[in-house]
Amino acid sequence: MEEQDCEKESVKLASEEISHEFKTLVNSNDLQSLNHLQNTILGRLQDSNAVLSHFNEFSEHCYAEISGDLARNTRILKSIKTDLDYIFQKLRSMKSKILNTYPDAFPADSESEVVDRRPDLEMPK
């Protein structure tokens, strides 16, 4: 029993010595400074998180208000595009009929095909 007590005492002394050596490796002022900086950063991150959460709620509310208008306007624009495509198709058809009937109706340079440089908004790039 006495041998176990002696062994426990030596382990305790060794643990205290190692603990003391670890404490002397790093200055306590440096640890306090690091702890203060970490708390400051944590506070800033929590503030940023709160601001972003508020912004997300605000954005969600705004989107809910205008989503109906966006959907309606999208449908209108698609309808307008369909109508314009139909109109231009009819115009090309009429022009080709006029050219077949009256070959001199348009100047020679107007017969060359005009390249459409408008972006195709339906196709993602």
N, C-alpha and C. Protein backbone atom coordinates (compact mmCIF):
# COMPACT_ATOMS: atom_id res chain seq x y z
N MET A 1 0.83 -1.19 0.00
CA MET A 1 0.00 0.00 0.00
C MET A 1 0.88 1.25 0.00
N GLU A 2 1.90 1.18 0.82
CA GLU A 2 2.81 2.32 0.92
C GLU A 2 3.52 2.56 -0.43
N GLU A 3 3.77 1.48 -1.15
CA GLU A 3 4.42 1.60 -2.45
C GLU A 3 3.49 2.30 -3.45
N GLN A 4 2.18 2.02 -3.40
CA GLN A 4 1.21 2.66 -4.29
C GLN A 4 1.11 4.14 -3.96
N ASP A 5 1.12 4.48 -2.67
CA ASP A 5 1.07 5.90 -2.28
C ASP A 5 2.29 6.64 -2.78
N CYS A 6 3.44 5.98 -2.68
CA CYS A 6 4.68 6.60 -3.14
C CYS A 6 4.62 6.81 -4.66
N GLU A 7 4.08 5.81 -5.35
CA GLU A 7 3.97 5.93 -6.81
C GLU A 7 2.99 7.02 -7.20
N LYS A 8 1.86 7.13 -6.50
CA LYS A 8 0.88 8.18 -6.77
C LYS A 8 1.48 9.55 -6.51
N GLU A 9 2.27 9.65 -5.45
CA GLU A 9 2.91 10.92 -5.12
C GLU A 9 3.91 11.32 -6.20
N SER A 10 4.68 10.36 -6.71
CA SER A 10 5.66 10.68 -7.75
C SER A 10 4.96 11.06 -9.06
N VAL A 11 3.83 10.39 -9.37
CA VAL A 11 3.06 10.77 -10.56
C VAL A 11 2.51 12.17 -10.40
N LYS A 12 2.04 12.49 -9.19
CA LYS A 12 1.49 13.83 -8.93
C LYS A 12 2.57 14.89 -9.08
N LEU A 13 3.73 14.63 -8.54
CA LEU A 13 4.84 15.59 -8.65
C LEU A 13 5.27 15.76 -10.12
N ALA A 14 5.33 14.65 -10.85
CA ALA A 14 5.70 14.72 -12.26
C ALA A 14 4.65 15.52 -13.05
N SER A 15 3.38 15.30 -12.74
CA SER A 15 2.30 16.03 -13.41
C SER A 15 2.39 17.51 -13.12
N GLU A 16 2.65 17.85 -11.89
CA GLU A 16 2.79 19.27 -11.51
C GLU A 16 3.98 19.90 -12.21
N GLU A 17 5.08 19.15 -12.32
CA GLU A 17 6.28 19.67 -12.99
C GLU A 17 6.00 19.90 -14.48
N ILE A 18 5.35 18.94 -15.12
CA ILE A 18 5.01 19.10 -16.54
C ILE A 18 4.05 20.26 -16.73
N SER A 19 3.06 20.37 -15.84
CA SER A 19 2.10 21.47 -15.92
C SER A 19 2.83 22.80 -15.77
N HIS A 20 3.76 22.88 -14.84
CA HIS A 20 4.52 24.11 -14.64
C HIS A 20 5.34 24.45 -15.88
N GLU A 21 5.95 23.42 -16.50
CA GLU A 21 6.75 23.65 -17.70
C GLU A 21 5.87 24.17 -18.85
N PHE A 22 4.67 23.60 -18.99
CA PHE A 22 3.76 24.08 -20.04
C PHE A 22 3.33 25.51 -19.79
N LYS A 23 3.11 25.85 -18.53
CA LYS A 23 2.70 27.23 -18.20
C LYS A 23 3.80 28.22 -18.51
N THR A 24 5.05 27.81 -18.37
CA THR A 24 6.16 28.73 -18.64
C THR A 24 6.45 28.86 -20.13
N LEU A 25 5.93 27.95 -20.94
CA LEU A 25 6.16 28.03 -22.39
C LEU A 25 5.48 29.24 -23.01
N VAL A 26 4.31 29.59 -22.51
CA VAL A 26 3.53 30.69 -23.09
C VAL A 26 3.28 31.72 -21.99
N ASN A 27 3.48 32.98 -22.36
CA ASN A 27 3.27 34.08 -21.43
C ASN A 27 1.77 34.22 -21.15
N SER A 28 1.40 34.40 -19.92
CA SER A 28 -0.02 34.52 -19.57
C SER A 28 -0.64 35.78 -20.16
N ASN A 29 0.15 36.85 -20.32
CA ASN A 29 -0.37 38.06 -20.95
C ASN A 29 -0.72 37.80 -22.42
N ASP A 30 0.11 36.99 -23.08
CA ASP A 30 -0.19 36.62 -24.47
C ASP A 30 -1.48 35.82 -24.55
N LEU A 31 -1.68 34.90 -23.62
CA LEU A 31 -2.92 34.12 -23.60
C LEU A 31 -4.13 35.00 -23.36
N GLN A 32 -3.99 35.95 -22.43
CA GLN A 32 -5.11 36.87 -22.17
C GLN A 32 -5.39 37.73 -23.40
N SER A 33 -4.34 38.17 -24.07
CA SER A 33 -4.51 38.97 -25.28
C SER A 33 -5.21 38.15 -26.37
N LEU A 34 -4.78 36.89 -26.56
CA LEU A 34 -5.43 36.02 -27.55
C LEU A 34 -6.89 35.78 -27.20
N ASN A 35 -7.15 35.56 -25.93
CA ASN A 35 -8.53 35.33 -25.49
C ASN A 35 -9.39 36.56 -25.77
N HIS A 36 -8.84 37.74 -25.49
CA HIS A 36 -9.57 38.99 -25.75
C HIS A 36 -9.84 39.16 -27.25
N LEU A 37 -8.83 38.89 -28.08
CA LEU A 37 -9.00 39.01 -29.52
C LEU A 37 -10.04 38.01 -30.04
N GLN A 38 -10.01 36.80 -29.53
CA GLN A 38 -10.99 35.80 -29.95
C GLN A 38 -12.40 36.23 -29.56
N ASN A 39 -12.56 36.79 -28.38
CA ASN A 39 -13.88 37.27 -27.96
C ASN A 39 -14.34 38.45 -28.82
N THR A 40 -13.40 39.33 -29.18
CA THR A 40 -13.74 40.45 -30.06
C THR A 40 -14.20 39.94 -31.42
N ILE A 41 -13.45 39.00 -31.98
CA ILE A 41 -13.82 38.44 -33.28
C ILE A 41 -15.15 37.72 -33.20
N LEU A 42 -15.37 36.98 -32.11
CA LEU A 42 -16.65 36.29 -31.93
C LEU A 42 -17.80 37.29 -31.91
N GLY A 43 -17.62 38.40 -31.20
CA GLY A 43 -18.66 39.44 -31.16
C GLY A 43 -18.94 40.02 -32.54
N ARG A 44 -17.89 40.27 -33.29
CA ARG A 44 -18.07 40.83 -34.64
C ARG A 44 -18.78 39.83 -35.55
N LEU A 45 -18.39 38.57 -35.44
CA LEU A 45 -19.04 37.56 -36.27
C LEU A 45 -20.52 37.40 -35.90
N GLN A 46 -20.82 37.48 -34.62
CA GLN A 46 -22.22 37.40 -34.21
C GLN A 46 -23.01 38.60 -34.71
N ASP A 47 -22.40 39.79 -34.66
CA ASP A 47 -23.06 40.98 -35.19
C ASP A 47 -23.28 40.84 -36.70
N SER A 48 -22.27 40.36 -37.41
CA SER A 48 -22.41 40.18 -38.86
C SER A 48 -23.50 39.16 -39.17
N ASN A 49 -23.55 38.10 -38.39
CA ASN A 49 -24.57 37.08 -38.60
C ASN A 49 -25.96 37.67 -38.38
N ALA A 50 -26.10 38.51 -37.35
CA ALA A 50 -27.40 39.14 -37.09
C ALA A 50 -27.80 40.07 -38.24
N VAL A 51 -26.83 40.84 -38.75
CA VAL A 51 -27.12 41.75 -39.86
C VAL A 51 -27.52 40.95 -41.10
N LEU A 52 -26.78 39.87 -41.40
CA LEU A 52 -27.11 39.06 -42.56
C LEU A 52 -28.47 38.38 -42.41
N SER A 53 -28.80 37.94 -41.22
CA SER A 53 -30.11 37.34 -40.98
C SER A 53 -31.22 38.35 -41.22
N HIS A 54 -30.99 39.58 -40.73
CA HIS A 54 -31.98 40.63 -40.94
C HIS A 54 -32.13 40.94 -42.43
N PHE A 55 -31.00 41.03 -43.13
CA PHE A 55 -31.03 41.30 -44.56
C PHE A 55 -31.77 40.20 -45.31
N ASN A 56 -31.51 38.94 -44.95
CA ASN A 56 -32.20 37.82 -45.61
C ASN A 56 -33.70 37.89 -45.37
N GLU A 57 -34.12 38.22 -44.17
CA GLU A 57 -35.55 38.35 -43.89
C GLU A 57 -36.15 39.49 -44.71
N PHE A 58 -35.44 40.61 -44.78
CA PHE A 58 -35.91 41.76 -45.56
C PHE A 58 -36.01 41.39 -47.04
N SER A 59 -34.98 40.71 -47.56
CA SER A 59 -34.98 40.30 -48.97
C SER A 59 -36.12 39.34 -49.26
N GLU A 60 -36.35 38.42 -48.35
CA GLU A 60 -37.44 37.45 -48.53
C GLU A 60 -38.78 38.17 -48.56
N HIS A 61 -38.94 39.16 -47.70
CA HIS A 61 -40.18 39.94 -47.66
C HIS A 61 -40.37 40.72 -48.97
N CYS A 62 -39.29 41.37 -49.43
CA CYS A 62 -39.37 42.14 -50.68
C CYS A 62 -39.67 41.22 -51.86
N TYR A 63 -39.04 40.07 -51.91
CA TYR A 63 -39.28 39.15 -53.02
C TYR A 63 -40.72 38.66 -53.00
N ALA A 64 -41.24 38.39 -51.81
CA ALA A 64 -42.63 37.95 -51.71
C ALA A 64 -43.58 39.01 -52.25
N GLU A 65 -43.24 40.29 -52.03
CA GLU A 65 -44.09 41.38 -52.51
C GLU A 65 -44.07 41.50 -54.03
N ILE A 66 -42.91 41.28 -54.65
CA ILE A 66 -42.80 41.54 -56.09
C ILE A 66 -42.82 40.28 -56.95
N SER A 67 -42.82 39.11 -56.34
CA SER A 67 -42.74 37.88 -57.15
C SER A 67 -43.94 37.74 -58.09
N GLY A 68 -45.10 38.16 -57.65
CA GLY A 68 -46.28 38.10 -58.53
C GLY A 68 -46.11 39.00 -59.73
N ASP A 69 -45.61 40.22 -59.50
CA ASP A 69 -45.38 41.15 -60.61
C ASP A 69 -44.32 40.59 -61.57
N LEU A 70 -43.26 40.00 -61.01
CA LEU A 70 -42.21 39.44 -61.87
C LEU A 70 -42.77 38.32 -62.75
N ALA A 71 -43.57 37.46 -62.17
CA ALA A 71 -44.15 36.35 -62.95
C ALA A 71 -45.07 36.89 -64.04
N ARG A 72 -45.88 37.88 -63.69
CA ARG A 72 -46.80 38.46 -64.66
C ARG A 72 -46.03 39.14 -65.79
N ASN A 73 -45.02 39.93 -65.43
CA ASN A 73 -44.22 40.62 -66.45
C ASN A 73 -43.46 39.63 -67.33
N THR A 74 -43.01 38.53 -66.75
CA THR A 74 -42.33 37.51 -67.54
C THR A 74 -43.28 36.91 -68.57
N ARG A 75 -44.50 36.61 -68.14
CA ARG A 75 -45.49 36.08 -69.09
C ARG A 75 -45.78 37.08 -70.19
N ILE A 76 -45.90 38.36 -69.83
CA ILE A 76 -46.17 39.40 -70.84
C ILE A 76 -45.02 39.49 -71.84
N LEU A 77 -43.79 39.48 -71.34
CA LEU A 77 -42.63 39.57 -72.24
C LEU A 77 -42.55 38.36 -73.17
N LYS A 78 -42.85 37.18 -72.65
CA LYS A 78 -42.84 36.00 -73.52
C LYS A 78 -43.93 36.11 -74.58
N SER A 79 -45.07 36.63 -74.20
CA SER A 79 -46.16 36.81 -75.17
C SER A 79 -45.76 37.84 -76.23
N ILE A 80 -45.13 38.92 -75.81
CA ILE A 80 -44.68 39.94 -76.76
C ILE A 80 -43.65 39.35 -77.72
N LYS A 81 -42.73 38.55 -77.18
CA LYS A 81 -41.71 37.94 -78.04
C LYS A 81 -42.37 37.03 -79.08
N THR A 82 -43.33 36.23 -78.64
CA THR A 82 -44.04 35.35 -79.57
C THR A 82 -44.74 36.16 -80.65
N ASP A 83 -45.39 37.25 -80.24
CA ASP A 83 -46.07 38.10 -81.21
C ASP A 83 -45.09 38.72 -82.20
N LEU A 84 -43.97 39.21 -81.69
CA LEU A 84 -42.97 39.83 -82.58
C LEU A 84 -42.36 38.80 -83.53
N ASP A 85 -42.09 37.61 -83.03
CA ASP A 85 -41.57 36.56 -83.91
C ASP A 85 -42.56 36.28 -85.04
N TYR A 86 -43.84 36.23 -84.71
CA TYR A 86 -44.87 35.99 -85.72
C TYR A 86 -44.92 37.14 -86.73
N ILE A 87 -44.85 38.36 -86.22
CA ILE A 87 -44.89 39.54 -87.11
C ILE A 87 -43.70 39.53 -88.06
N PHE A 88 -42.49 39.26 -87.53
CA PHE A 88 -41.31 39.26 -88.40
C PHE A 88 -41.36 38.10 -89.40
N GLN A 89 -41.92 36.98 -88.99
CA GLN A 89 -42.08 35.87 -89.93
C GLN A 89 -43.01 36.28 -91.07
N LYS A 90 -44.11 36.94 -90.73
CA LYS A 90 -45.05 37.41 -91.76
C LYS A 90 -44.40 38.44 -92.67
N LEU A 91 -43.61 39.35 -92.07
CA LEU A 91 -42.92 40.37 -92.88
C LEU A 91 -41.94 39.72 -93.86
N ARG A 92 -41.18 38.72 -93.39
CA ARG A 92 -40.25 38.03 -94.30
C ARG A 92 -41.02 37.33 -95.42
N SER A 93 -42.14 36.72 -95.06
CA SER A 93 -42.96 36.04 -96.07
C SER A 93 -43.49 37.04 -97.09
N MET A 94 -43.98 38.18 -96.61
CA MET A 94 -44.51 39.21 -97.51
C MET A 94 -43.41 39.75 -98.41
N LYS A 95 -42.21 39.96 -97.83
CA LYS A 95 -41.11 40.49 -98.62
C LYS A 95 -40.71 39.51 -99.72
N SER A 96 -40.68 38.22 -99.37
CA SER A 96 -40.30 37.24 -100.39
C SER A 96 -41.38 37.16 -101.49
N LYS A 97 -42.64 37.29 -101.13
CA LYS A 97 -43.71 37.29 -102.15
C LYS A 97 -43.59 38.51 -103.05
N ILE A 98 -43.30 39.66 -102.45
CA ILE A 98 -43.14 40.90 -103.23
C ILE A 98 -41.94 40.75 -104.17
N LEU A 99 -40.83 40.19 -103.66
CA LEU A 99 -39.65 40.01 -104.52
C LEU A 99 -39.94 39.04 -105.66
N ASN A 100 -40.74 38.02 -105.39
CA ASN A 100 -41.09 37.07 -106.47
C ASN A 100 -41.98 37.74 -107.52
N THR A 101 -42.89 38.59 -107.06
CA THR A 101 -43.81 39.26 -107.98
C THR A 101 -43.14 40.44 -108.67
N TYR A 102 -42.44 41.25 -107.90
CA TYR A 102 -41.77 42.45 -108.43
C TYR A 102 -40.28 42.38 -108.08
N PRO A 103 -39.48 41.78 -108.88
CA PRO A 103 -38.05 41.59 -108.57
C PRO A 103 -37.29 42.90 -108.35
N ASP A 104 -37.74 44.01 -108.90
CA ASP A 104 -37.04 45.28 -108.75
C ASP A 104 -37.61 46.13 -107.62
N ALA A 105 -38.43 45.55 -106.78
CA ALA A 105 -39.11 46.33 -105.72
C ALA A 105 -38.14 46.84 -104.66
N PHE A 106 -37.11 46.09 -104.37
CA PHE A 106 -36.14 46.48 -103.33
C PHE A 106 -34.78 46.67 -103.95
N PRO A 107 -33.98 47.58 -103.43
CA PRO A 107 -32.62 47.76 -103.94
C PRO A 107 -31.83 46.45 -103.78
N ALA A 108 -30.80 46.28 -104.58
CA ALA A 108 -30.03 45.03 -104.60
C ALA A 108 -29.36 44.76 -103.25
N ASP A 109 -28.93 45.81 -102.56
CA ASP A 109 -28.24 45.58 -101.29
C ASP A 109 -29.19 45.19 -100.16
N SER A 110 -30.48 45.38 -100.33
CA SER A 110 -31.43 45.02 -99.27
C SER A 110 -31.73 43.53 -99.27
N GLU A 111 -31.32 42.84 -100.34
CA GLU A 111 -31.59 41.41 -100.43
C GLU A 111 -30.64 40.59 -99.57
N SER A 112 -29.49 41.17 -99.26
CA SER A 112 -28.56 40.42 -98.41
C SER A 112 -29.18 40.25 -97.02
N GLU A 113 -28.93 39.12 -96.46
CA GLU A 113 -29.56 38.80 -95.17
C GLU A 113 -28.91 39.62 -94.06
N VAL A 114 -29.73 40.24 -93.26
CA VAL A 114 -29.24 41.04 -92.15
C VAL A 114 -29.00 40.10 -90.97
N VAL A 115 -27.82 40.22 -90.38
CA VAL A 115 -27.48 39.37 -89.25
C VAL A 115 -28.12 39.96 -87.99
N ASP A 116 -28.85 39.13 -87.30
CA ASP A 116 -29.50 39.56 -86.06
C ASP A 116 -28.47 39.52 -84.94
N ARG A 117 -28.12 40.69 -84.43
CA ARG A 117 -27.09 40.78 -83.40
C ARG A 117 -27.67 40.87 -81.99
N ARG A 118 -28.96 40.74 -81.90
CA ARG A 118 -29.58 40.78 -80.57
C ARG A 118 -29.26 39.51 -79.82
N PRO A 119 -29.02 39.61 -78.51
CA PRO A 119 -28.74 38.38 -77.75
C PRO A 119 -30.01 37.56 -77.58
N ASP A 120 -29.86 36.26 -77.60
CA ASP A 120 -30.99 35.37 -77.38
C ASP A 120 -31.12 35.20 -75.87
N LEU A 121 -32.13 35.81 -75.30
CA LEU A 121 -32.26 35.83 -73.84
C LEU A 121 -32.74 34.51 -73.28
N GLU A 122 -33.23 33.62 -74.12
CA GLU A 122 -33.73 32.35 -73.63
C GLU A 122 -32.64 31.31 -73.50
N MET A 123 -31.53 31.51 -74.17
CA MET A 123 -30.45 30.53 -74.14
C MET A 123 -29.36 31.01 -73.18
N PRO A 124 -29.07 30.25 -72.11
CA PRO A 124 -27.98 30.66 -71.21
C PRO A 124 -26.63 30.48 -71.89
N LYS A 125 -25.74 31.38 -71.56
CA LYS A 125 -24.40 31.32 -72.18
C LYS A 125 -23.45 30.56 -71.31
